[in-house]
Amino acid sequence: MDDRVVLAIKLNNAASNDPCELCGRRTDPEVGPELFLDGSWALVCYECGEKYAPELMGLLLDYRRSRSFEEFLDNPS
């Protein structure tokens, strides 16, 4: 049996504070791209994301940084 943890980035359509499916810690998901267990809608915290899928966390954090930069450019005040 394969005990490998497979994660996926999916578009989250509801902000909730469900616990991480892997460790039980609090998650603070946003509406938009978030980490889930592959094949489910079970949220995964960023700490577990770093542990099990650092490449996906890199993509997610790059997206967040670029979105923040775009918002800054639109409203530099």
C-alpha atoms as a PDB file:
ATOM      1  CA  MET A   1       0.000   0.000   0.000  1.00  0.00           C
ATOM      2  CA  ASP A   2       1.278   3.460  -0.916  1.00  0.00           C
ATOM      3  CA  ASP A   3       1.260   5.840   2.087  1.00  0.00           C
ATOM      4  CA  ARG A   4       2.442   8.751  -0.008  1.00  0.00           C
ATOM      5  CA  VAL A   5       0.575  12.024   0.569  1.00  0.00           C
ATOM      6  CA  VAL A   6      -0.570  13.635  -2.684  1.00  0.00           C
ATOM      7  CA  LEU A   7      -1.724  17.234  -2.600  1.00  0.00           C
ATOM      8  CA  ALA A   8      -3.403  19.418  -5.197  1.00  0.00           C
ATOM      9  CA  ILE A   9      -4.042  23.110  -5.703  1.00  0.00           C
ATOM     10  CA  LYS A  10      -7.729  23.714  -6.284  1.00  0.00           C
ATOM     11  CA  LEU A  11      -9.877  26.823  -6.453  1.00  0.00           C
ATOM     12  CA  ASN A  12     -11.506  27.212  -3.067  1.00  0.00           C
ATOM     13  CA  ASN A  13     -14.901  28.892  -3.238  1.00  0.00           C
ATOM     14  CA  ALA A  14     -15.567  29.251   0.491  1.00  0.00           C
ATOM     15  CA  ALA A  15     -13.439  30.798   3.229  1.00  0.00           C
ATOM     16  CA  SER A  16     -13.591  28.538   6.267  1.00  0.00           C
ATOM     17  CA  ASN A  17     -11.293  27.561   9.081  1.00  0.00           C
ATOM     18  CA  ASP A  18     -11.510  23.796   8.777  1.00  0.00           C
ATOM     19  CA  PRO A  19      -8.588  21.991  10.403  1.00  0.00           C
ATOM     20  CA  CYS A  20      -5.787  20.552   8.311  1.00  0.00           C
ATOM     21  CA  GLU A  21      -6.686  17.051   7.213  1.00  0.00           C
ATOM     22  CA  LEU A  22      -3.137  15.833   7.892  1.00  0.00           C
ATOM     23  CA  CYS A  23      -2.171  17.375  11.254  1.00  0.00           C
ATOM     24  CA  GLY A  24      -5.349  18.970  12.646  1.00  0.00           C
ATOM     25  CA  ARG A  25      -3.863  22.468  12.895  1.00  0.00           C
ATOM     26  CA  ARG A  26      -5.936  25.493  12.027  1.00  0.00           C
ATOM     27  CA  THR A  27      -6.037  26.582   8.398  1.00  0.00           C
ATOM     28  CA  ASP A  28      -6.798  30.111   7.237  1.00  0.00           C
ATOM     29  CA  PRO A  29      -7.805  29.504   3.636  1.00  0.00           C
ATOM     30  CA  GLU A  30      -8.734  32.259   1.259  1.00  0.00           C
ATOM     31  CA  VAL A  31     -11.192  32.132  -1.578  1.00  0.00           C
ATOM     32  CA  GLY A  32      -9.085  31.196  -4.585  1.00  0.00           C
ATOM     33  CA  PRO A  33      -6.227  28.716  -4.964  1.00  0.00           C
ATOM     34  CA  GLU A  34      -5.566  26.584  -1.860  1.00  0.00           C
ATOM     35  CA  LEU A  35      -4.041  23.219  -0.951  1.00  0.00           C
ATOM     36  CA  PHE A  36      -6.198  20.122  -0.625  1.00  0.00           C
ATOM     37  CA  LEU A  37      -5.654  16.400  -0.438  1.00  0.00           C
ATOM     38  CA  ASP A  38      -5.755  15.184  -4.006  1.00  0.00           C
ATOM     39  CA  GLY A  39      -9.149  13.787  -4.943  1.00  0.00           C
ATOM     40  CA  SER A  40     -10.958  15.553  -2.089  1.00  0.00           C
ATOM     41  CA  TRP A  41     -11.911  18.937  -0.688  1.00  0.00           C
ATOM     42  CA  ALA A  42     -10.010  18.321   2.579  1.00  0.00           C
ATOM     43  CA  LEU A  43      -7.879  21.393   3.350  1.00  0.00           C
ATOM     44  CA  VAL A  44      -4.168  21.119   4.105  1.00  0.00           C
ATOM     45  CA  CYS A  45      -2.217  23.720   6.113  1.00  0.00           C
ATOM     46  CA  TYR A  46       0.837  25.443   4.663  1.00  0.00           C
ATOM     47  CA  GLU A  47       3.190  23.682   7.090  1.00  0.00           C
ATOM     48  CA  CYS A  48       2.062  20.281   5.815  1.00  0.00           C
ATOM     49  CA  GLY A  49       2.152  21.679   2.284  1.00  0.00           C
ATOM     50  CA  GLU A  50       5.834  22.549   2.760  1.00  0.00           C
ATOM     51  CA  LYS A  51       6.504  19.092   4.164  1.00  0.00           C
ATOM     52  CA  TYR A  52       4.686  17.007   1.548  1.00  0.00           C
ATOM     53  CA  ALA A  53       4.629  19.190  -1.578  1.00  0.00           C
ATOM     54  CA  PRO A  54       7.122  22.071  -1.431  1.00  0.00           C
ATOM     55  CA  GLU A  55       6.841  22.592  -5.200  1.00  0.00           C
ATOM     56  CA  LEU A  56       3.087  23.226  -4.912  1.00  0.00           C
ATOM     57  CA  MET A  57       3.640  25.565  -1.957  1.00  0.00           C
ATOM     58  CA  GLY A  58       6.140  27.494  -4.077  1.00  0.00           C
ATOM     59  CA  LEU A  59       3.547  27.921  -6.819  1.00  0.00           C
ATOM     60  CA  LEU A  60       0.869  28.967  -4.356  1.00  0.00           C
ATOM     61  CA  LEU A  61       3.116  31.499  -2.617  1.00  0.00           C
ATOM     62  CA  ASP A  62       4.317  32.900  -5.964  1.00  0.00           C
ATOM     63  CA  TYR A  63       0.686  33.382  -6.952  1.00  0.00           C
ATOM     64  CA  ARG A  64      -0.094  35.192  -3.674  1.00  0.00           C
ATOM     65  CA  ARG A  65       2.942  37.470  -4.027  1.00  0.00           C
ATOM     66  CA  SER A  66       2.070  38.356  -7.624  1.00  0.00           C
ATOM     67  CA  ARG A  67      -1.535  39.061  -6.676  1.00  0.00           C
ATOM     68  CA  SER A  68      -0.420  41.315  -3.810  1.00  0.00           C
ATOM     69  CA  PHE A  69       1.935  43.166  -6.154  1.00  0.00           C
ATOM     70  CA  GLU A  70      -0.829  43.660  -8.729  1.00  0.00           C
ATOM     71  CA  GLU A  71      -3.135  45.044  -6.017  1.00  0.00           C
ATOM     72  CA  PHE A  72      -0.387  47.415  -4.906  1.00  0.00           C
ATOM     73  CA  LEU A  73       0.106  48.655  -8.480  1.00  0.00           C
ATOM     74  CA  ASP A  74      -3.629  49.245  -8.814  1.00  0.00           C
ATOM     75  CA  ASN A  75      -3.822  51.152  -5.501  1.00  0.00           C
ATOM     76  CA  PRO A  76      -0.362  52.572  -4.622  1.00  0.00           C
ATOM     77  CA  SER A  77      -1.709  55.087  -2.102  1.00  0.00           C
END
